[in-house]
Amino acid sequence: MRPPRPFRLRARRRLRLSVRTFRGDGLDAFLDELADDFRGWEGARTWRSLEHELTLSAVHGPGGYVRLTWGLHAQPPAEEWCFETTTVHAAGEDMRNLAAELRAFLKSAA
């Protein structure tokens, strides 16, 4: 795996975004399903928050790694901006740990 590269993000306007969920909208269960399918799958699997401000796309790649593309989106109807970043995780236990950490975060935020 390649080491992380530093990057700079410059915003010309101030952006605010609230992600509304109902107990996480099943994001932890989505991550658990990805962990269960550690042998891989075809294509992309996607998840969206209740009002689509947060999205997640998962692709299983060669070498047993899962690429997660996390997206933050302006709220409809404007949808004038979107920010996406990709994280890479080992399939299986690494994905299960991510789901557990997210579940703990959601529980603490409730």
PDB file of N, CA and C in Angstrom:
ATOM      1  N   MET A   1       0.837  -1.166   0.000  1.00  0.00           N
ATOM      2  CA  MET A   1       0.000   0.000   0.000  1.00  0.00           C
ATOM      3  C   MET A   1       0.890   1.240   0.000  1.00  0.00           C
ATOM      4  N   ARG A   2       0.490   2.227  -0.785  1.00  0.00           N
ATOM      5  CA  ARG A   2       1.262   3.461  -0.858  1.00  0.00           C
ATOM      6  C   ARG A   2       1.050   4.310   0.391  1.00  0.00           C
ATOM      7  N   PRO A   3       2.094   5.027   0.809  1.00  0.00           N
ATOM      8  CA  PRO A   3       1.923   5.897   1.972  1.00  0.00           C
ATOM      9  C   PRO A   3       0.985   7.055   1.614  1.00  0.00           C
ATOM     10  N   PRO A   4       0.294   7.610   2.614  1.00  0.00           N
ATOM     11  CA  PRO A   4      -0.609   8.728   2.325  1.00  0.00           C
ATOM     12  C   PRO A   4       0.155   9.938   1.825  1.00  0.00           C
ATOM     13  N   ARG A   5      -0.476  10.669   0.922  1.00  0.00           N
ATOM     14  CA  ARG A   5       0.131  11.890   0.401  1.00  0.00           C
ATOM     15  C   ARG A   5      -0.556  13.101   1.004  1.00  0.00           C
ATOM     16  N   PRO A   6       0.218  14.078   1.432  1.00  0.00           N
ATOM     17  CA  PRO A   6      -0.421  15.288   1.952  1.00  0.00           C
ATOM     18  C   PRO A   6      -1.117  16.026   0.812  1.00  0.00           C
ATOM     19  N   PHE A   7      -2.157  16.755   1.132  1.00  0.00           N
ATOM     20  CA  PHE A   7      -2.829  17.541   0.118  1.00  0.00           C
ATOM     21  C   PHE A   7      -3.363  18.811   0.754  1.00  0.00           C
ATOM     22  N   ARG A   8      -3.656  19.756  -0.096  1.00  0.00           N
ATOM     23  CA  ARG A   8      -4.191  21.027   0.339  1.00  0.00           C
ATOM     24  C   ARG A   8      -5.598  21.185  -0.218  1.00  0.00           C
ATOM     25  N   LEU A   9      -6.472  21.695   0.576  1.00  0.00           N
ATOM     26  CA  LEU A   9      -7.842  21.954   0.143  1.00  0.00           C
ATOM     27  C   LEU A   9      -8.117  23.423   0.383  1.00  0.00           C
ATOM     28  N   ARG A  10      -8.519  24.098  -0.666  1.00  0.00           N
ATOM     29  CA  ARG A  10      -8.816  25.514  -0.533  1.00  0.00           C
ATOM     30  C   ARG A  10     -10.279  25.736  -0.914  1.00  0.00           C
ATOM     31  N   ALA A  11     -11.005  26.363  -0.036  1.00  0.00           N
ATOM     32  CA  ALA A  11     -12.407  26.690  -0.309  1.00  0.00           C
ATOM     33  C   ALA A  11     -12.519  28.192  -0.472  1.00  0.00           C
ATOM     34  N   ARG A  12     -13.173  28.593  -1.511  1.00  0.00           N
ATOM     35  CA  ARG A  12     -13.335  30.031  -1.753  1.00  0.00           C
ATOM     36  C   ARG A  12     -14.559  30.596  -1.051  1.00  0.00           C
ATOM     37  N   ARG A  13     -15.448  29.707  -0.622  1.00  0.00           N
ATOM     38  CA  ARG A  13     -16.612  30.128   0.140  1.00  0.00           C
ATOM     39  C   ARG A  13     -16.719  29.235   1.363  1.00  0.00           C
ATOM     40  N   ARG A  14     -17.420  29.734   2.302  1.00  0.00           N
ATOM     41  CA  ARG A  14     -17.673  28.928   3.497  1.00  0.00           C
ATOM     42  C   ARG A  14     -18.839  27.993   3.194  1.00  0.00           C
ATOM     43  N   LEU A  15     -18.633  26.727   3.456  1.00  0.00           N
ATOM     44  CA  LEU A  15     -19.656  25.730   3.203  1.00  0.00           C
ATOM     45  C   LEU A  15     -20.095  25.120   4.522  1.00  0.00           C
ATOM     46  N   ARG A  16     -21.378  24.906   4.656  1.00  0.00           N
ATOM     47  CA  ARG A  16     -21.915  24.241   5.837  1.00  0.00           C
ATOM     48  C   ARG A  16     -22.764  23.078   5.381  1.00  0.00           C
ATOM     49  N   LEU A  17     -22.643  21.990   6.108  1.00  0.00           N
ATOM     50  CA  LEU A  17     -23.418  20.809   5.755  1.00  0.00           C
ATOM     51  C   LEU A  17     -23.752  20.045   7.022  1.00  0.00           C
ATOM     52  N   SER A  18     -24.995  19.697   7.153  1.00  0.00           N
ATOM     53  CA  SER A  18     -25.435  18.814   8.223  1.00  0.00           C
ATOM     54  C   SER A  18     -25.925  17.539   7.571  1.00  0.00           C
ATOM     55  N   VAL A  19     -25.476  16.422   8.095  1.00  0.00           N
ATOM     56  CA  VAL A  19     -25.934  15.134   7.584  1.00  0.00           C
ATOM     57  C   VAL A  19     -26.967  14.606   8.565  1.00  0.00           C
ATOM     58  N   ARG A  20     -28.176  14.438   8.078  1.00  0.00           N
ATOM     59  CA  ARG A  20     -29.249  13.924   8.920  1.00  0.00           C
ATOM     60  C   ARG A  20     -29.392  12.432   8.678  1.00  0.00           C
ATOM     61  N   THR A  21     -29.409  11.716   9.769  1.00  0.00           N
ATOM     62  CA  THR A  21     -29.585  10.266   9.657  1.00  0.00           C
ATOM     63  C   THR A  21     -30.568   9.810  10.722  1.00  0.00           C
ATOM     64  N   PHE A  22     -31.134   8.677  10.489  1.00  0.00           N
ATOM     65  CA  PHE A  22     -31.946   8.027  11.502  1.00  0.00           C
ATOM     66  C   PHE A  22     -31.128   6.854  12.009  1.00  0.00           C
ATOM     67  N   ARG A  23     -30.419   7.068  13.124  1.00  0.00           N
ATOM     68  CA  ARG A  23     -29.531   6.054  13.710  1.00  0.00           C
ATOM     69  C   ARG A  23     -28.500   5.542  12.708  1.00  0.00           C
ATOM     70  N   GLY A  24     -28.001   6.440  11.867  1.00  0.00           N
ATOM     71  CA  GLY A  24     -26.949   6.079  10.920  1.00  0.00           C
ATOM     72  C   GLY A  24     -27.450   5.528   9.610  1.00  0.00           C
ATOM     73  N   ASP A  25     -28.764   5.404   9.438  1.00  0.00           N
ATOM     74  CA  ASP A  25     -29.356   4.921   8.182  1.00  0.00           C
ATOM     75  C   ASP A  25     -28.772   3.597   7.712  1.00  0.00           C
ATOM     76  N   GLY A  26     -28.285   2.788   8.640  1.00  0.00           N
ATOM     77  CA  GLY A  26     -27.772   1.469   8.273  1.00  0.00           C
ATOM     78  C   GLY A  26     -26.353   1.468   7.723  1.00  0.00           C
ATOM     79  N   LEU A  27     -25.613   2.567   7.920  1.00  0.00           N
ATOM     80  CA  LEU A  27     -24.241   2.618   7.408  1.00  0.00           C
ATOM     81  C   LEU A  27     -23.371   1.545   8.043  1.00  0.00           C
ATOM     82  N   ASP A  28     -23.517   1.319   9.349  1.00  0.00           N
ATOM     83  CA  ASP A  28     -22.725   0.279  10.005  1.00  0.00           C
ATOM     84  C   ASP A  28     -23.076  -1.105   9.451  1.00  0.00           C
ATOM     85  N   ALA A  29     -24.349  -1.352   9.168  1.00  0.00           N
ATOM     86  CA  ALA A  29     -24.763  -2.634   8.577  1.00  0.00           C
ATOM     87  C   ALA A  29     -24.217  -2.778   7.160  1.00  0.00           C
ATOM     88  N   PHE A  30     -24.183  -1.674   6.410  1.00  0.00           N
ATOM     89  CA  PHE A  30     -23.616  -1.692   5.068  1.00  0.00           C
ATOM     90  C   PHE A  30     -22.143  -2.107   5.127  1.00  0.00           C
ATOM     91  N   LEU A  31     -21.396  -1.526   6.066  1.00  0.00           N
ATOM     92  CA  LEU A  31     -19.978  -1.869   6.223  1.00  0.00           C
ATOM     93  C   LEU A  31     -19.813  -3.313   6.687  1.00  0.00           C
ATOM     94  N   ASP A  32     -20.713  -3.780   7.563  1.00  0.00           N
ATOM     95  CA  ASP A  32     -20.677  -5.189   7.986  1.00  0.00           C
ATOM     96  C   ASP A  32     -20.868  -6.126   6.791  1.00  0.00           C
ATOM     97  N   GLU A  33     -21.798  -5.781   5.890  1.00  0.00           N
ATOM     98  CA  GLU A  33     -22.021  -6.599   4.693  1.00  0.00           C
ATOM     99  C   GLU A  33     -20.773  -6.648   3.819  1.00  0.00           C
ATOM    100  N   LEU A  34     -20.095  -5.523   3.699  1.00  0.00           N
ATOM    101  CA  LEU A  34     -18.852  -5.498   2.921  1.00  0.00           C
ATOM    102  C   LEU A  34     -17.802  -6.407   3.568  1.00  0.00           C
ATOM    103  N   ALA A  35     -17.738  -6.375   4.891  1.00  0.00           N
ATOM    104  CA  ALA A  35     -16.784  -7.236   5.608  1.00  0.00           C
ATOM    105  C   ALA A  35     -17.137  -8.706   5.423  1.00  0.00           C
ATOM    106  N   ASP A  36     -18.431  -9.028   5.447  1.00  0.00           N
ATOM    107  CA  ASP A  36     -18.866 -10.417   5.255  1.00  0.00           C
ATOM    108  C   ASP A  36     -18.483 -10.949   3.873  1.00  0.00           C
ATOM    109  N   ASP A  37     -18.468 -10.067   2.891  1.00  0.00           N
ATOM    110  CA  ASP A  37     -18.142 -10.458   1.515  1.00  0.00           C
ATOM    111  C   ASP A  37     -16.668 -10.195   1.200  1.00  0.00           C
ATOM    112  N   PHE A  38     -15.791 -10.556   2.126  1.00  0.00           N
ATOM    113  CA  PHE A  38     -14.364 -10.255   1.987  1.00  0.00           C
ATOM    114  C   PHE A  38     -13.725 -10.902   0.760  1.00  0.00           C
ATOM    115  N   ARG A  39     -14.364 -11.926   0.202  1.00  0.00           N
ATOM    116  CA  ARG A  39     -13.809 -12.571  -1.005  1.00  0.00           C
ATOM    117  C   ARG A  39     -14.022 -11.728  -2.259  1.00  0.00           C
ATOM    118  N   GLY A  40     -14.909 -10.738  -2.155  1.00  0.00           N
ATOM    119  CA  GLY A  40     -15.087  -9.806  -3.264  1.00  0.00           C
ATOM    120  C   GLY A  40     -16.462  -9.824  -3.872  1.00  0.00           C
ATOM    121  N   TRP A  41     -16.708  -8.862  -4.755  1.00  0.00           N
ATOM    122  CA  TRP A  41     -17.965  -8.723  -5.473  1.00  0.00           C
ATOM    123  C   TRP A  41     -17.682  -7.957  -6.759  1.00  0.00           C
ATOM    124  N   GLU A  42     -18.636  -7.981  -7.641  1.00  0.00           N
ATOM    125  CA  GLU A  42     -18.519  -7.278  -8.922  1.00  0.00           C
ATOM    126  C   GLU A  42     -19.124  -5.884  -8.804  1.00  0.00           C
ATOM    127  N   GLY A  43     -18.508  -4.931  -9.436  1.00  0.00           N
ATOM    128  CA  GLY A  43     -19.056  -3.578  -9.501  1.00  0.00           C
ATOM    129  C   GLY A  43     -18.968  -2.827  -8.190  1.00  0.00           C
ATOM    130  N   ALA A  44     -19.736  -1.743  -8.130  1.00  0.00           N
ATOM    131  CA  ALA A  44     -19.748  -0.884  -6.944  1.00  0.00           C
ATOM    132  C   ALA A  44     -21.017  -1.124  -6.134  1.00  0.00           C
ATOM    133  N   ARG A  45     -20.864  -1.091  -4.827  1.00  0.00           N
ATOM    134  CA  ARG A  45     -22.003  -1.110  -3.916  1.00  0.00           C
ATOM    135  C   ARG A  45     -22.109   0.287  -3.324  1.00  0.00           C
ATOM    136  N   THR A  46     -23.332   0.770  -3.186  1.00  0.00           N
ATOM    137  CA  THR A  46     -23.494   2.146  -2.725  1.00  0.00           C
ATOM    138  C   THR A  46     -24.446   2.249  -1.551  1.00  0.00           C
ATOM    139  N   TRP A  47     -24.246   3.289  -0.764  1.00  0.00           N
ATOM    140  CA  TRP A  47     -25.082   3.631   0.375  1.00  0.00           C
ATOM    141  C   TRP A  47     -25.277   5.138   0.348  1.00  0.00           C
ATOM    142  N   ARG A  48     -26.455   5.598   0.789  1.00  0.00           N
ATOM    143  CA  ARG A  48     -26.740   7.041   0.880  1.00  0.00           C
ATOM    144  C   ARG A  48     -27.434   7.333   2.202  1.00  0.00           C
ATOM    145  N   SER A  49     -27.136   8.496   2.758  1.00  0.00           N
ATOM    146  CA  SER A  49     -27.848   8.934   3.953  1.00  0.00           C
ATOM    147  C   SER A  49     -29.285   9.297   3.579  1.00  0.00           C
ATOM    148  N   LEU A  50     -30.071   9.526   4.582  1.00  0.00           N
ATOM    149  CA  LEU A  50     -31.493   9.789   4.422  1.00  0.00           C
ATOM    150  C   LEU A  50     -31.786  10.844   3.350  1.00  0.00           C
ATOM    151  N   GLU A  51     -31.062  11.953   3.389  1.00  0.00           N
ATOM    152  CA  GLU A  51     -31.299  13.045   2.442  1.00  0.00           C
ATOM    153  C   GLU A  51     -30.174  13.179   1.415  1.00  0.00           C
ATOM    154  N   HIS A  52     -29.366  12.146   1.275  1.00  0.00           N
ATOM    155  CA  HIS A  52     -28.317  12.021   0.251  1.00  0.00           C
ATOM    156  C   HIS A  52     -27.167  13.030   0.385  1.00  0.00           C
ATOM    157  N   GLU A  53     -26.974  13.609   1.580  1.00  0.00           N
ATOM    158  CA  GLU A  53     -25.842  14.518   1.748  1.00  0.00           C
ATOM    159  C   GLU A  53     -24.538  13.752   1.908  1.00  0.00           C
ATOM    160  N   LEU A  54     -24.616  12.518   2.388  1.00  0.00           N
ATOM    161  CA  LEU A  54     -23.438  11.667   2.562  1.00  0.00           C
ATOM    162  C   LEU A  54     -23.650  10.404   1.736  1.00  0.00           C
ATOM    163  N   THR A  55     -22.668  10.079   0.908  1.00  0.00           N
ATOM    164  CA  THR A  55     -22.744   8.862   0.103  1.00  0.00           C
ATOM    165  C   THR A  55     -21.473   8.052   0.308  1.00  0.00           C
ATOM    166  N   LEU A  56     -21.593   6.768   0.048  1.00  0.00           N
ATOM    167  CA  LEU A  56     -20.448   5.872   0.146  1.00  0.00           C
ATOM    168  C   LEU A  56     -20.545   4.849  -0.971  1.00  0.00           C
ATOM    169  N   SER A  57     -19.469   4.720  -1.718  1.00  0.00           N
ATOM    170  CA  SER A  57     -19.396   3.725  -2.783  1.00  0.00           C
ATOM    171  C   SER A  57     -18.225   2.801  -2.473  1.00  0.00           C
ATOM    172  N   ALA A  58     -18.447   1.494  -2.593  1.00  0.00           N
ATOM    173  CA  ALA A  58     -17.416   0.505  -2.256  1.00  0.00           C
ATOM    174  C   ALA A  58     -17.122  -0.370  -3.466  1.00  0.00           C
ATOM    175  N   VAL A  59     -15.839  -0.501  -3.783  1.00  0.00           N
ATOM    176  CA  VAL A  59     -15.388  -1.362  -4.872  1.00  0.00           C
ATOM    177  C   VAL A  59     -14.325  -2.296  -4.315  1.00  0.00           C
ATOM    178  N   HIS A  60     -14.499  -3.601  -4.556  1.00  0.00           N
ATOM    179  CA  HIS A  60     -13.513  -4.587  -4.108  1.00  0.00           C
ATOM    180  C   HIS A  60     -12.484  -4.731  -5.222  1.00  0.00           C
ATOM    181  N   GLY A  61     -11.238  -4.510  -4.876  1.00  0.00           N
ATOM    182  CA  GLY A  61     -10.186  -4.550  -5.875  1.00  0.00           C
ATOM    183  C   GLY A  61      -9.247  -5.720  -5.702  1.00  0.00           C
ATOM    184  N   PRO A  62      -8.297  -5.813  -6.609  1.00  0.00           N
ATOM    185  CA  PRO A  62      -7.314  -6.892  -6.527  1.00  0.00           C
ATOM    186  C   PRO A  62      -6.480  -6.780  -5.253  1.00  0.00           C
ATOM    187  N   GLY A  63      -6.024  -7.911  -4.784  1.00  0.00           N
ATOM    188  CA  GLY A  63      -5.179  -7.935  -3.596  1.00  0.00           C
ATOM    189  C   GLY A  63      -5.954  -7.912  -2.297  1.00  0.00           C
ATOM    190  N   GLY A  64      -7.288  -8.025  -2.369  1.00  0.00           N
ATOM    191  CA  GLY A  64      -8.077  -8.073  -1.145  1.00  0.00           C
ATOM    192  C   GLY A  64      -8.291  -6.735  -0.479  1.00  0.00           C
ATOM    193  N   TYR A  65      -8.343  -5.670  -1.253  1.00  0.00           N
ATOM    194  CA  TYR A  65      -8.575  -4.340  -0.701  1.00  0.00           C
ATOM    195  C   TYR A  65      -9.894  -3.775  -1.185  1.00  0.00           C
ATOM    196  N   VAL A  66     -10.507  -2.966  -0.322  1.00  0.00           N
ATOM    197  CA  VAL A  66     -11.771  -2.306  -0.640  1.00  0.00           C
ATOM    198  C   VAL A  66     -11.510  -0.814  -0.706  1.00  0.00           C
ATOM    199  N   ARG A  67     -11.915  -0.212  -1.827  1.00  0.00           N
ATOM    200  CA  ARG A  67     -11.809   1.241  -1.999  1.00  0.00           C
ATOM    201  C   ARG A  67     -13.161   1.851  -1.656  1.00  0.00           C
ATOM    202  N   LEU A  68     -13.168   2.693  -0.633  1.00  0.00           N
ATOM    203  CA  LEU A  68     -14.386   3.381  -0.217  1.00  0.00           C
ATOM    204  C   LEU A  68     -14.308   4.834  -0.666  1.00  0.00           C
ATOM    205  N   THR A  69     -15.262   5.268  -1.464  1.00  0.00           N
ATOM    206  CA  THR A  69     -15.326   6.662  -1.884  1.00  0.00           C
ATOM    207  C   THR A  69     -16.446   7.331  -1.106  1.00  0.00           C
ATOM    208  N   TRP A  70     -16.048   8.239  -0.236  1.00  0.00           N
ATOM    209  CA  TRP A  70     -16.962   8.965   0.641  1.00  0.00           C
ATOM    210  C   TRP A  70     -17.294  10.283  -0.028  1.00  0.00           C
ATOM    211  N   GLY A  71     -18.573  10.619  -0.108  1.00  0.00           N
ATOM    212  CA  GLY A  71     -18.983  11.872  -0.748  1.00  0.00           C
ATOM    213  C   GLY A  71     -19.830  12.728   0.164  1.00  0.00           C
ATOM    214  N   LEU A  72     -19.546  14.017   0.180  1.00  0.00           N
ATOM    215  CA  LEU A  72     -20.378  15.020   0.835  1.00  0.00           C
ATOM    216  C   LEU A  72     -21.003  15.850  -0.275  1.00  0.00           C
ATOM    217  N   HIS A  73     -22.302  16.043  -0.216  1.00  0.00           N
ATOM    218  CA  HIS A  73     -23.020  16.704  -1.305  1.00  0.00           C
ATOM    219  C   HIS A  73     -23.858  17.852  -0.765  1.00  0.00           C
ATOM    220  N   ALA A  74     -23.930  18.936  -1.544  1.00  0.00           N
ATOM    221  CA  ALA A  74     -24.822  20.037  -1.201  1.00  0.00           C
ATOM    222  C   ALA A  74     -26.240  19.500  -1.175  1.00  0.00           C
ATOM    223  N   GLN A  75     -27.038  20.060  -0.312  1.00  0.00           N
ATOM    224  CA  GLN A  75     -28.400  19.572  -0.177  1.00  0.00           C
ATOM    225  C   GLN A  75     -29.252  19.981  -1.375  1.00  0.00           C
ATOM    226  N   PRO A  76     -30.134  19.085  -1.800  1.00  0.00           N
ATOM    227  CA  PRO A  76     -31.043  19.419  -2.898  1.00  0.00           C
ATOM    228  C   PRO A  76     -31.908  20.612  -2.486  1.00  0.00           C
ATOM    229  N   PRO A  77     -32.374  21.419  -3.397  1.00  0.00           N
ATOM    230  CA  PRO A  77     -32.288  21.228  -4.840  1.00  0.00           C
ATOM    231  C   PRO A  77     -31.031  21.824  -5.458  1.00  0.00           C
ATOM    232  N   ALA A  78     -30.223  22.577  -4.670  1.00  0.00           N
ATOM    233  CA  ALA A  78     -29.069  23.267  -5.247  1.00  0.00           C
ATOM    234  C   ALA A  78     -28.050  22.302  -5.837  1.00  0.00           C
ATOM    235  N   GLU A  79     -27.580  21.361  -5.026  1.00  0.00           N
ATOM    236  CA  GLU A  79     -26.570  20.397  -5.454  1.00  0.00           C
ATOM    237  C   GLU A  79     -25.444  21.045  -6.258  1.00  0.00           C
ATOM    238  N   GLU A  80     -24.988  22.216  -5.779  1.00  0.00           N
ATOM    239  CA  GLU A  80     -23.989  22.968  -6.519  1.00  0.00           C
ATOM    240  C   GLU A  80     -22.553  22.545  -6.242  1.00  0.00           C
ATOM    241  N   TRP A  81     -22.343  21.694  -5.262  1.00  0.00           N
ATOM    242  CA  TRP A  81     -20.983  21.236  -4.983  1.00  0.00           C
ATOM    243  C   TRP A  81     -21.006  19.825  -4.430  1.00  0.00           C
ATOM    244  N   CYS A  82     -19.850  19.198  -4.523  1.00  0.00           N
ATOM    245  CA  CYS A  82     -19.660  17.840  -4.019  1.00  0.00           C
ATOM    246  C   CYS A  82     -18.185  17.687  -3.668  1.00  0.00           C
ATOM    247  N   PHE A  83     -17.898  17.031  -2.554  1.00  0.00           N
ATOM    248  CA  PHE A  83     -16.525  16.718  -2.172  1.00  0.00           C
ATOM    249  C   PHE A  83     -16.439  15.213  -1.990  1.00  0.00           C
ATOM    250  N   GLU A  84     -15.464  14.589  -2.624  1.00  0.00           N
ATOM    251  CA  GLU A  84     -15.274  13.145  -2.477  1.00  0.00           C
ATOM    252  C   GLU A  84     -13.834  12.843  -2.129  1.00  0.00           C
ATOM    253  N   THR A  85     -13.655  11.809  -1.329  1.00  0.00           N
ATOM    254  CA  THR A  85     -12.325  11.303  -1.020  1.00  0.00           C
ATOM    255  C   THR A  85     -12.404   9.783  -0.942  1.00  0.00           C
ATOM    256  N   THR A  86     -11.300   9.126  -1.211  1.00  0.00           N
ATOM    257  CA  THR A  86     -11.274   7.664  -1.217  1.00  0.00           C
ATOM    258  C   THR A  86     -10.311   7.161  -0.160  1.00  0.00           C
ATOM    259  N   THR A  87     -10.769   6.161   0.582  1.00  0.00           N
ATOM    260  CA  THR A  87      -9.924   5.479   1.551  1.00  0.00           C
ATOM    261  C   THR A  87      -9.826   4.018   1.136  1.00  0.00           C
ATOM    262  N   VAL A  88      -8.723   3.378   1.471  1.00  0.00           N
ATOM    263  CA  VAL A  88      -8.494   1.982   1.092  1.00  0.00           C
ATOM    264  C   VAL A  88      -8.337   1.150   2.360  1.00  0.00           C
ATOM    265  N   HIS A  89      -9.048   0.016   2.397  1.00  0.00           N
ATOM    266  CA  HIS A  89      -9.071  -0.841   3.583  1.00  0.00           C
ATOM    267  C   HIS A  89      -8.896  -2.291   3.179  1.00  0.00           C
ATOM    268  N   ALA A  90      -8.237  -3.068   4.016  1.00  0.00           N
ATOM    269  CA  ALA A  90      -8.146  -4.506   3.780  1.00  0.00           C
ATOM    270  C   ALA A  90      -9.532  -5.106   3.950  1.00  0.00           C
ATOM    271  N   ALA A  91      -9.872  -6.020   3.058  1.00  0.00           N
ATOM    272  CA  ALA A  91     -11.178  -6.679   3.144  1.00  0.00           C
ATOM    273  C   ALA A  91     -11.247  -7.521   4.415  1.00  0.00           C
ATOM    274  N   GLY A  92     -12.442  -7.760   4.904  1.00  0.00           N
ATOM    275  CA  GLY A  92     -12.616  -8.627   6.066  1.00  0.00           C
ATOM    276  C   GLY A  92     -12.535  -7.882   7.370  1.00  0.00           C
ATOM    277  N   GLU A  93     -11.561  -8.249   8.193  1.00  0.00           N
ATOM    278  CA  GLU A  93     -11.489  -7.743   9.562  1.00  0.00           C
ATOM    279  C   GLU A  93     -11.304  -6.233   9.629  1.00  0.00           C
ATOM    280  N   ASP A  94     -10.536  -5.651   8.723  1.00  0.00           N
ATOM    281  CA  ASP A  94     -10.348  -4.201   8.713  1.00  0.00           C
ATOM    282  C   ASP A  94     -11.693  -3.506   8.475  1.00  0.00           C
ATOM    283  N   MET A  95     -12.497  -4.051   7.567  1.00  0.00           N
ATOM    284  CA  MET A  95     -13.816  -3.498   7.304  1.00  0.00           C
ATOM    285  C   MET A  95     -14.733  -3.688   8.516  1.00  0.00           C
ATOM    286  N   ARG A  96     -14.628  -4.821   9.167  1.00  0.00           N
ATOM    287  CA  ARG A  96     -15.446  -5.079  10.355  1.00  0.00           C
ATOM    288  C   ARG A  96     -15.084  -4.104  11.479  1.00  0.00           C
ATOM    289  N   ASN A  97     -13.796  -3.815  11.646  1.00  0.00           N
ATOM    290  CA  ASN A  97     -13.357  -2.844  12.651  1.00  0.00           C
ATOM    291  C   ASN A  97     -13.891  -1.447  12.332  1.00  0.00           C
ATOM    292  N   LEU A  98     -13.877  -1.086  11.051  1.00  0.00           N
ATOM    293  CA  LEU A  98     -14.407   0.204  10.632  1.00  0.00           C
ATOM    294  C   LEU A  98     -15.897   0.296  10.977  1.00  0.00           C
ATOM    295  N   ALA A  99     -16.649  -0.762  10.717  1.00  0.00           N
ATOM    296  CA  ALA A  99     -18.076  -0.788  11.045  1.00  0.00           C
ATOM    297  C   ALA A  99     -18.284  -0.635  12.554  1.00  0.00           C
ATOM    298  N   ALA A 100     -17.485  -1.305  13.355  1.00  0.00           N
ATOM    299  CA  ALA A 100     -17.618  -1.228  14.813  1.00  0.00           C
ATOM    300  C   ALA A 100     -17.296   0.185  15.314  1.00  0.00           C
ATOM    301  N   GLU A 101     -16.256   0.795  14.753  1.00  0.00           N
ATOM    302  CA  GLU A 101     -15.894   2.153  15.156  1.00  0.00           C
ATOM    303  C   GLU A 101     -16.991   3.143  14.772  1.00  0.00           C
ATOM    304  N   LEU A 102     -17.556   2.967  13.600  1.00  0.00           N
ATOM    305  CA  LEU A 102     -18.637   3.843  13.160  1.00  0.00           C
ATOM    306  C   LEU A 102     -19.874   3.647  14.044  1.00  0.00           C
ATOM    307  N   ARG A 103     -20.173   2.412  14.380  1.00  0.00           N
ATOM    308  CA  ARG A 103     -21.312   2.111  15.255  1.00  0.00           C
ATOM    309  C   ARG A 103     -21.127   2.801  16.612  1.00  0.00           C
ATOM    310  N   ALA A 104     -19.924   2.754  17.163  1.00  0.00           N
ATOM    311  CA  ALA A 104     -19.637   3.400  18.452  1.00  0.00           C
ATOM    312  C   ALA A 104     -19.772   4.919  18.325  1.00  0.00           C
ATOM    313  N   PHE A 105     -19.306   5.473  17.213  1.00  0.00           N
ATOM    314  CA  PHE A 105     -19.438   6.912  16.986  1.00  0.00           C
ATOM    315  C   PHE A 105     -20.907   7.326  16.925  1.00  0.00           C
ATOM    316  N   LEU A 106     -21.694   6.590  16.161  1.00  0.00           N
ATOM    317  CA  LEU A 106     -23.115   6.923  16.025  1.00  0.00           C
ATOM    318  C   LEU A 106     -23.838   6.821  17.369  1.00  0.00           C
ATOM    319  N   LYS A 107     -23.459   5.810  18.147  1.00  0.00           N
ATOM    320  CA  LYS A 107     -24.092   5.629  19.456  1.00  0.00           C
ATOM    321  C   LYS A 107     -23.753   6.786  20.381  1.00  0.00           C
ATOM    322  N   SER A 108     -22.499   7.266  20.323  1.00  0.00           N
ATOM    323  CA  SER A 108     -22.083   8.362  21.189  1.00  0.00           C
ATOM    324  C   SER A 108     -22.704   9.690  20.755  1.00  0.00           C
ATOM    325  N   ALA A 109     -23.028   9.821  19.477  1.00  0.00           N
ATOM    326  CA  ALA A 109     -23.604  11.073  18.968  1.00  0.00           C
ATOM    327  C   ALA A 109     -25.107  11.133  19.188  1.00  0.00           C
ATOM    328  N   ALA A 110     -25.708  10.008  19.544  1.00  0.00           N
ATOM    329  CA  ALA A 110     -27.177   9.989  19.711  1.00  0.00           C
ATOM    330  C   ALA A 110     -27.635  10.661  20.973  1.00  0.00           C
TER     331      ALA A 110
END
